[in-house]
Amino acid sequence: MKGFKMKRGNVYICNVCSIESSKDKEAVFIKAHKGGETVHICTACFPKIIHESAKLVKTNHRLESEFYEEFRKETE
């Protein structure tokens, strides 16, 4: 889905570890860009990206397919 972002209302989903802001009230998310799309990354994952690889950042399409069942139920 073009333009899909891993944010629903006030809930963010990390494009690295898939944690939802609604499940960790202390999580801090940073908006970033990768491959022309907006991604959200929790600050706990930033060291992984900096010291390992930006390849760890999942595309929004990949996260969407991981959460497909949940998103489908919300739209029915």
PDB file of N, CA and C in Angstrom:
ATOM      1  N   MET A   1       0.847  -1.167   0.000  1.00  0.00           N
ATOM      2  CA  MET A   1       0.000   0.000   0.000  1.00  0.00           C
ATOM      3  C   MET A   1       0.896   1.235   0.000  1.00  0.00           C
ATOM      4  N   LYS A   2       0.871   2.011  -1.039  1.00  0.00           N
ATOM      5  CA  LYS A   2       1.732   3.184  -1.170  1.00  0.00           C
ATOM      6  C   LYS A   2       1.345   4.234  -0.137  1.00  0.00           C
ATOM      7  N   GLY A   3       2.345   4.778   0.539  1.00  0.00           N
ATOM      8  CA  GLY A   3       2.104   5.816   1.520  1.00  0.00           C
ATOM      9  C   GLY A   3       1.695   5.283   2.885  1.00  0.00           C
ATOM     10  N   PHE A   4       1.655   3.988   3.041  1.00  0.00           N
ATOM     11  CA  PHE A   4       1.277   3.388   4.316  1.00  0.00           C
ATOM     12  C   PHE A   4       2.327   3.739   5.360  1.00  0.00           C
ATOM     13  N   LYS A   5       1.895   4.177   6.537  1.00  0.00           N
ATOM     14  CA  LYS A   5       2.814   4.502   7.627  1.00  0.00           C
ATOM     15  C   LYS A   5       2.436   3.669   8.833  1.00  0.00           C
ATOM     16  N   MET A   6       3.440   3.303   9.599  1.00  0.00           N
ATOM     17  CA  MET A   6       3.179   2.490  10.774  1.00  0.00           C
ATOM     18  C   MET A   6       2.777   3.360  11.952  1.00  0.00           C
ATOM     19  N   LYS A   7       1.678   4.071  11.765  1.00  0.00           N
ATOM     20  CA  LYS A   7       1.073   4.878  12.809  1.00  0.00           C
ATOM     21  C   LYS A   7      -0.431   4.753  12.633  1.00  0.00           C
ATOM     22  N   ARG A   8      -1.111   4.432  13.724  1.00  0.00           N
ATOM     23  CA  ARG A   8      -2.566   4.354  13.704  1.00  0.00           C
ATOM     24  C   ARG A   8      -3.083   5.212  14.841  1.00  0.00           C
ATOM     25  N   GLY A   9      -3.716   6.316  14.511  1.00  0.00           N
ATOM     26  CA  GLY A   9      -4.145   7.240  15.553  1.00  0.00           C
ATOM     27  C   GLY A   9      -2.933   7.763  16.294  1.00  0.00           C
ATOM     28  N   ASN A  10      -2.893   7.520  17.587  1.00  0.00           N
ATOM     29  CA  ASN A  10      -1.742   7.933  18.394  1.00  0.00           C
ATOM     30  C   ASN A  10      -0.819   6.769  18.704  1.00  0.00           C
ATOM     31  N   VAL A  11      -0.947   5.672  17.990  1.00  0.00           N
ATOM     32  CA  VAL A  11      -0.122   4.492  18.225  1.00  0.00           C
ATOM     33  C   VAL A  11       0.925   4.380  17.121  1.00  0.00           C
ATOM     34  N   TYR A  12       2.195   4.297  17.538  1.00  0.00           N
ATOM     35  CA  TYR A  12       3.304   4.119  16.611  1.00  0.00           C
ATOM     36  C   TYR A  12       3.812   2.686  16.711  1.00  0.00           C
ATOM     37  N   ILE A  13       4.354   2.169  15.622  1.00  0.00           N
ATOM     38  CA  ILE A  13       4.948   0.838  15.606  1.00  0.00           C
ATOM     39  C   ILE A  13       6.372   0.987  15.085  1.00  0.00           C
ATOM     40  N   CYS A  14       7.328   0.440  15.844  1.00  0.00           N
ATOM     41  CA  CYS A  14       8.743   0.545  15.463  1.00  0.00           C
ATOM     42  C   CYS A  14       9.016  -0.315  14.228  1.00  0.00           C
ATOM     43  N   ASN A  15       9.682   0.257  13.244  1.00  0.00           N
ATOM     44  CA  ASN A  15      10.008  -0.456  12.020  1.00  0.00           C
ATOM     45  C   ASN A  15      11.197  -1.399  12.183  1.00  0.00           C
ATOM     46  N   VAL A  16      11.729  -1.516  13.395  1.00  0.00           N
ATOM     47  CA  VAL A  16      12.822  -2.454  13.650  1.00  0.00           C
ATOM     48  C   VAL A  16      12.309  -3.611  14.510  1.00  0.00           C
ATOM     49  N   CYS A  17      11.823  -3.305  15.721  1.00  0.00           N
ATOM     50  CA  CYS A  17      11.431  -4.365  16.660  1.00  0.00           C
ATOM     51  C   CYS A  17       9.924  -4.613  16.710  1.00  0.00           C
ATOM     52  N   SER A  18       9.139  -3.789  16.040  1.00  0.00           N
ATOM     53  CA  SER A  18       7.681  -3.913  15.941  1.00  0.00           C
ATOM     54  C   SER A  18       6.941  -3.638  17.248  1.00  0.00           C
ATOM     55  N   ILE A  19       7.603  -3.020  18.225  1.00  0.00           N
ATOM     56  CA  ILE A  19       6.912  -2.686  19.461  1.00  0.00           C
ATOM     57  C   ILE A  19       5.893  -1.579  19.190  1.00  0.00           C
ATOM     58  N   GLU A  20       4.760  -1.668  19.838  1.00  0.00           N
ATOM     59  CA  GLU A  20       3.707  -0.667  19.692  1.00  0.00           C
ATOM     60  C   GLU A  20       3.775   0.292  20.867  1.00  0.00           C
ATOM     61  N   SER A  21       3.620   1.583  20.587  1.00  0.00           N
ATOM     62  CA  SER A  21       3.681   2.574  21.653  1.00  0.00           C
ATOM     63  C   SER A  21       2.578   2.353  22.686  1.00  0.00           C
ATOM     64  N   SER A  22       1.487   1.730  22.295  1.00  0.00           N
ATOM     65  CA  SER A  22       0.403   1.467  23.244  1.00  0.00           C
ATOM     66  C   SER A  22       0.768   0.363  24.239  1.00  0.00           C
ATOM     67  N   LYS A  23       1.756  -0.447  23.907  1.00  0.00           N
ATOM     68  CA  LYS A  23       2.170  -1.539  24.790  1.00  0.00           C
ATOM     69  C   LYS A  23       3.356  -1.165  25.673  1.00  0.00           C
ATOM     70  N   ASP A  24       4.058  -0.091  25.336  1.00  0.00           N
ATOM     71  CA  ASP A  24       5.163   0.403  26.157  1.00  0.00           C
ATOM     72  C   ASP A  24       5.023   1.916  26.261  1.00  0.00           C
ATOM     73  N   LYS A  25       4.414   2.348  27.339  1.00  0.00           N
ATOM     74  CA  LYS A  25       4.126   3.781  27.525  1.00  0.00           C
ATOM     75  C   LYS A  25       5.393   4.626  27.679  1.00  0.00           C
ATOM     76  N   GLU A  26       6.528   3.998  27.974  1.00  0.00           N
ATOM     77  CA  GLU A  26       7.793   4.721  28.140  1.00  0.00           C
ATOM     78  C   GLU A  26       8.593   4.813  26.844  1.00  0.00           C
ATOM     79  N   ALA A  27       8.165   4.118  25.809  1.00  0.00           N
ATOM     80  CA  ALA A  27       8.900   4.119  24.537  1.00  0.00           C
ATOM     81  C   ALA A  27       8.849   5.501  23.887  1.00  0.00           C
ATOM     82  N   VAL A  28       9.957   5.882  23.290  1.00  0.00           N
ATOM     83  CA  VAL A  28      10.060   7.140  22.552  1.00  0.00           C
ATOM     84  C   VAL A  28      10.320   6.775  21.100  1.00  0.00           C
ATOM     85  N   PHE A  29       9.571   7.388  20.183  1.00  0.00           N
ATOM     86  CA  PHE A  29       9.692   7.079  18.762  1.00  0.00           C
ATOM     87  C   PHE A  29      10.212   8.285  18.001  1.00  0.00           C
ATOM     88  N   ILE A  30      11.060   8.008  17.028  1.00  0.00           N
ATOM     89  CA  ILE A  30      11.621   9.040  16.170  1.00  0.00           C
ATOM     90  C   ILE A  30      11.175   8.761  14.739  1.00  0.00           C
ATOM     91  N   LYS A  31      10.730   9.798  14.071  1.00  0.00           N
ATOM     92  CA  LYS A  31      10.302   9.697  12.678  1.00  0.00           C
ATOM     93  C   LYS A  31      11.541   9.818  11.795  1.00  0.00           C
ATOM     94  N   ALA A  32      11.692   8.878  10.874  1.00  0.00           N
ATOM     95  CA  ALA A  32      12.847   8.874   9.982  1.00  0.00           C
ATOM     96  C   ALA A  32      12.381   8.553   8.560  1.00  0.00           C
ATOM     97  N   HIS A  33      13.304   8.553   7.635  1.00  0.00           N
ATOM     98  CA  HIS A  33      12.995   8.232   6.240  1.00  0.00           C
ATOM     99  C   HIS A  33      13.976   7.181   5.749  1.00  0.00           C
ATOM    100  N   LYS A  34      13.457   6.186   5.085  1.00  0.00           N
ATOM    101  CA  LYS A  34      14.299   5.157   4.467  1.00  0.00           C
ATOM    102  C   LYS A  34      13.666   4.767   3.137  1.00  0.00           C
ATOM    103  N   GLY A  35      14.438   4.811   2.091  1.00  0.00           N
ATOM    104  CA  GLY A  35      13.955   4.420   0.778  1.00  0.00           C
ATOM    105  C   GLY A  35      12.754   5.221   0.304  1.00  0.00           C
ATOM    106  N   GLY A  36      12.692   6.480   0.718  1.00  0.00           N
ATOM    107  CA  GLY A  36      11.608   7.346   0.273  1.00  0.00           C
ATOM    108  C   GLY A  36      10.331   7.228   1.081  1.00  0.00           C
ATOM    109  N   GLU A  37      10.324   6.409   2.131  1.00  0.00           N
ATOM    110  CA  GLU A  37       9.117   6.301   2.943  1.00  0.00           C
ATOM    111  C   GLU A  37       9.403   6.696   4.387  1.00  0.00           C
ATOM    112  N   THR A  38       8.380   7.151   5.070  1.00  0.00           N
ATOM    113  CA  THR A  38       8.485   7.517   6.469  1.00  0.00           C
ATOM    114  C   THR A  38       8.452   6.262   7.315  1.00  0.00           C
ATOM    115  N   VAL A  39       9.384   6.165   8.251  1.00  0.00           N
ATOM    116  CA  VAL A  39       9.429   5.043   9.180  1.00  0.00           C
ATOM    117  C   VAL A  39       9.508   5.605  10.597  1.00  0.00           C
ATOM    118  N   HIS A  40       9.085   4.800  11.569  1.00  0.00           N
ATOM    119  CA  HIS A  40       9.165   5.179  12.976  1.00  0.00           C
ATOM    120  C   HIS A  40      10.066   4.172  13.677  1.00  0.00           C
ATOM    121  N   ILE A  41      11.006   4.693  14.464  1.00  0.00           N
ATOM    122  CA  ILE A  41      11.969   3.833  15.142  1.00  0.00           C
ATOM    123  C   ILE A  41      12.002   4.206  16.614  1.00  0.00           C
ATOM    124  N   CYS A  42      11.866   3.202  17.476  1.00  0.00           N
ATOM    125  CA  CYS A  42      11.956   3.481  18.908  1.00  0.00           C
ATOM    126  C   CYS A  42      13.425   3.720  19.250  1.00  0.00           C
ATOM    127  N   THR A  43      13.643   4.548  20.259  1.00  0.00           N
ATOM    128  CA  THR A  43      15.019   4.922  20.598  1.00  0.00           C
ATOM    129  C   THR A  43      15.834   3.727  21.083  1.00  0.00           C
ATOM    130  N   ALA A  44      15.191   2.683  21.578  1.00  0.00           N
ATOM    131  CA  ALA A  44      15.924   1.483  21.988  1.00  0.00           C
ATOM    132  C   ALA A  44      16.588   0.800  20.792  1.00  0.00           C
ATOM    133  N   CYS A  45      16.047   0.982  19.603  1.00  0.00           N
ATOM    134  CA  CYS A  45      16.594   0.342  18.399  1.00  0.00           C
ATOM    135  C   CYS A  45      17.645   1.191  17.684  1.00  0.00           C
ATOM    136  N   PHE A  46      17.753   2.462  18.015  1.00  0.00           N
ATOM    137  CA  PHE A  46      18.713   3.310  17.316  1.00  0.00           C
ATOM    138  C   PHE A  46      20.145   2.802  17.393  1.00  0.00           C
ATOM    139  N   PRO A  47      20.643   2.338  18.545  1.00  0.00           N
ATOM    140  CA  PRO A  47      22.017   1.820  18.563  1.00  0.00           C
ATOM    141  C   PRO A  47      22.219   0.655  17.606  1.00  0.00           C
ATOM    142  N   LYS A  48      21.205  -0.184  17.447  1.00  0.00           N
ATOM    143  CA  LYS A  48      21.307  -1.303  16.500  1.00  0.00           C
ATOM    144  C   LYS A  48      21.526  -0.791  15.086  1.00  0.00           C
ATOM    145  N   ILE A  49      20.791   0.242  14.727  1.00  0.00           N
ATOM    146  CA  ILE A  49      20.890   0.800  13.376  1.00  0.00           C
ATOM    147  C   ILE A  49      22.244   1.480  13.172  1.00  0.00           C
ATOM    148  N   ILE A  50      22.673   2.236  14.164  1.00  0.00           N
ATOM    149  CA  ILE A  50      23.930   2.975  14.061  1.00  0.00           C
ATOM    150  C   ILE A  50      25.132   2.034  14.031  1.00  0.00           C
ATOM    151  N   HIS A  51      25.135   1.030  14.914  1.00  0.00           N
ATOM    152  CA  HIS A  51      26.307   0.166  15.044  1.00  0.00           C
ATOM    153  C   HIS A  51      26.261  -1.092  14.181  1.00  0.00           C
ATOM    154  N   GLU A  52      25.090  -1.464  13.731  1.00  0.00           N
ATOM    155  CA  GLU A  52      24.988  -2.666  12.897  1.00  0.00           C
ATOM    156  C   GLU A  52      24.669  -2.287  11.457  1.00  0.00           C
ATOM    157  N   SER A  53      23.380  -2.037  11.167  1.00  0.00           N
ATOM    158  CA  SER A  53      23.032  -1.760   9.781  1.00  0.00           C
ATOM    159  C   SER A  53      21.628  -1.182   9.666  1.00  0.00           C
ATOM    160  N   ALA A  54      21.464  -0.270   8.725  1.00  0.00           N
ATOM    161  CA  ALA A  54      20.136   0.269   8.425  1.00  0.00           C
ATOM    162  C   ALA A  54      19.253  -0.790   7.779  1.00  0.00           C
ATOM    163  N   LYS A  55      19.862  -1.903   7.364  1.00  0.00           N
ATOM    164  CA  LYS A  55      19.082  -2.999   6.786  1.00  0.00           C
ATOM    165  C   LYS A  55      18.128  -3.603   7.800  1.00  0.00           C
ATOM    166  N   LEU A  56      18.337  -3.320   9.083  1.00  0.00           N
ATOM    167  CA  LEU A  56      17.452  -3.822  10.135  1.00  0.00           C
ATOM    168  C   LEU A  56      16.082  -3.142  10.104  1.00  0.00           C
ATOM    169  N   VAL A  57      16.003  -1.976   9.463  1.00  0.00           N
ATOM    170  CA  VAL A  57      14.745  -1.235   9.398  1.00  0.00           C
ATOM    171  C   VAL A  57      13.836  -1.892   8.368  1.00  0.00           C
ATOM    172  N   LYS A  58      12.690  -2.378   8.842  1.00  0.00           N
ATOM    173  CA  LYS A  58      11.728  -3.047   7.960  1.00  0.00           C
ATOM    174  C   LYS A  58      10.936  -2.005   7.181  1.00  0.00           C
ATOM    175  N   THR A  59      10.542  -2.372   5.982  1.00  0.00           N
ATOM    176  CA  THR A  59       9.677  -1.483   5.201  1.00  0.00           C
ATOM    177  C   THR A  59       8.288  -1.480   5.833  1.00  0.00           C
ATOM    178  N   ASN A  60       7.530  -0.452   5.536  1.00  0.00           N
ATOM    179  CA  ASN A  60       6.158  -0.391   6.032  1.00  0.00           C
ATOM    180  C   ASN A  60       5.327  -1.538   5.462  1.00  0.00           C
ATOM    181  N   HIS A  61       5.615  -1.913   4.225  1.00  0.00           N
ATOM    182  CA  HIS A  61       4.885  -3.024   3.600  1.00  0.00           C
ATOM    183  C   HIS A  61       5.135  -4.326   4.369  1.00  0.00           C
ATOM    184  N   ARG A  62       6.387  -4.544   4.764  1.00  0.00           N
ATOM    185  CA  ARG A  62       6.706  -5.761   5.520  1.00  0.00           C
ATOM    186  C   ARG A  62       6.000  -5.752   6.878  1.00  0.00           C
ATOM    187  N   LEU A  63       6.019  -4.618   7.566  1.00  0.00           N
ATOM    188  CA  LEU A  63       5.322  -4.536   8.848  1.00  0.00           C
ATOM    189  C   LEU A  63       3.819  -4.709   8.659  1.00  0.00           C
ATOM    190  N   GLU A  64       3.303  -4.129   7.598  1.00  0.00           N
ATOM    191  CA  GLU A  64       1.872  -4.266   7.321  1.00  0.00           C
ATOM    192  C   GLU A  64       1.508  -5.740   7.176  1.00  0.00           C
ATOM    193  N   SER A  65       2.320  -6.510   6.480  1.00  0.00           N
ATOM    194  CA  SER A  65       2.005  -7.924   6.307  1.00  0.00           C
ATOM    195  C   SER A  65       2.156  -8.685   7.626  1.00  0.00           C
ATOM    196  N   GLU A  66       3.086  -8.258   8.502  1.00  0.00           N
ATOM    197  CA  GLU A  66       3.216  -8.889   9.814  1.00  0.00           C
ATOM    198  C   GLU A  66       1.987  -8.641  10.682  1.00  0.00           C
ATOM    199  N   PHE A  67       1.407  -7.469  10.530  1.00  0.00           N
ATOM    200  CA  PHE A  67       0.243  -7.096  11.321  1.00  0.00           C
ATOM    201  C   PHE A  67      -1.061  -7.236  10.538  1.00  0.00           C
ATOM    202  N   TYR A  68      -1.033  -7.947   9.428  1.00  0.00           N
ATOM    203  CA  TYR A  68      -2.177  -8.030   8.521  1.00  0.00           C
ATOM    204  C   TYR A  68      -3.478  -8.410   9.232  1.00  0.00           C
ATOM    205  N   GLU A  69      -3.453  -9.453  10.007  1.00  0.00           N
ATOM    206  CA  GLU A  69      -4.675  -9.920  10.668  1.00  0.00           C
ATOM    207  C   GLU A  69      -5.256  -8.851  11.580  1.00  0.00           C
ATOM    208  N   GLU A  70      -4.397  -8.189  12.328  1.00  0.00           N
ATOM    209  CA  GLU A  70      -4.864  -7.141  13.229  1.00  0.00           C
ATOM    210  C   GLU A  70      -5.480  -5.982  12.453  1.00  0.00           C
ATOM    211  N   PHE A  71      -4.811  -5.538  11.371  1.00  0.00           N
ATOM    212  CA  PHE A  71      -5.324  -4.445  10.556  1.00  0.00           C
ATOM    213  C   PHE A  71      -6.629  -4.852   9.873  1.00  0.00           C
ATOM    214  N   ARG A  72      -6.721  -6.086   9.412  1.00  0.00           N
ATOM    215  CA  ARG A  72      -7.922  -6.544   8.727  1.00  0.00           C
ATOM    216  C   ARG A  72      -9.118  -6.484   9.669  1.00  0.00           C
ATOM    217  N   LYS A  73      -8.945  -6.924  10.900  1.00  0.00           N
ATOM    218  CA  LYS A  73     -10.031  -6.907  11.881  1.00  0.00           C
ATOM    219  C   LYS A  73     -10.498  -5.486  12.164  1.00  0.00           C
ATOM    220  N   GLU A  74      -9.570  -4.533  12.192  1.00  0.00           N
ATOM    221  CA  GLU A  74      -9.922  -3.149  12.468  1.00  0.00           C
ATOM    222  C   GLU A  74     -10.722  -2.522  11.340  1.00  0.00           C
ATOM    223  N   THR A  75     -10.514  -2.974  10.119  1.00  0.00           N
ATOM    224  CA  THR A  75     -11.177  -2.362   8.968  1.00  0.00           C
ATOM    225  C   THR A  75     -12.489  -3.051   8.599  1.00  0.00           C
ATOM    226  N   GLU A  76     -12.798  -4.150   9.237  1.00  0.00           N
ATOM    227  CA  GLU A  76     -14.058  -4.859   8.919  1.00  0.00           C
ATOM    228  C   GLU A  76     -15.218  -4.202   9.595  1.00  0.00           C
TER     229      GLU A  76
END
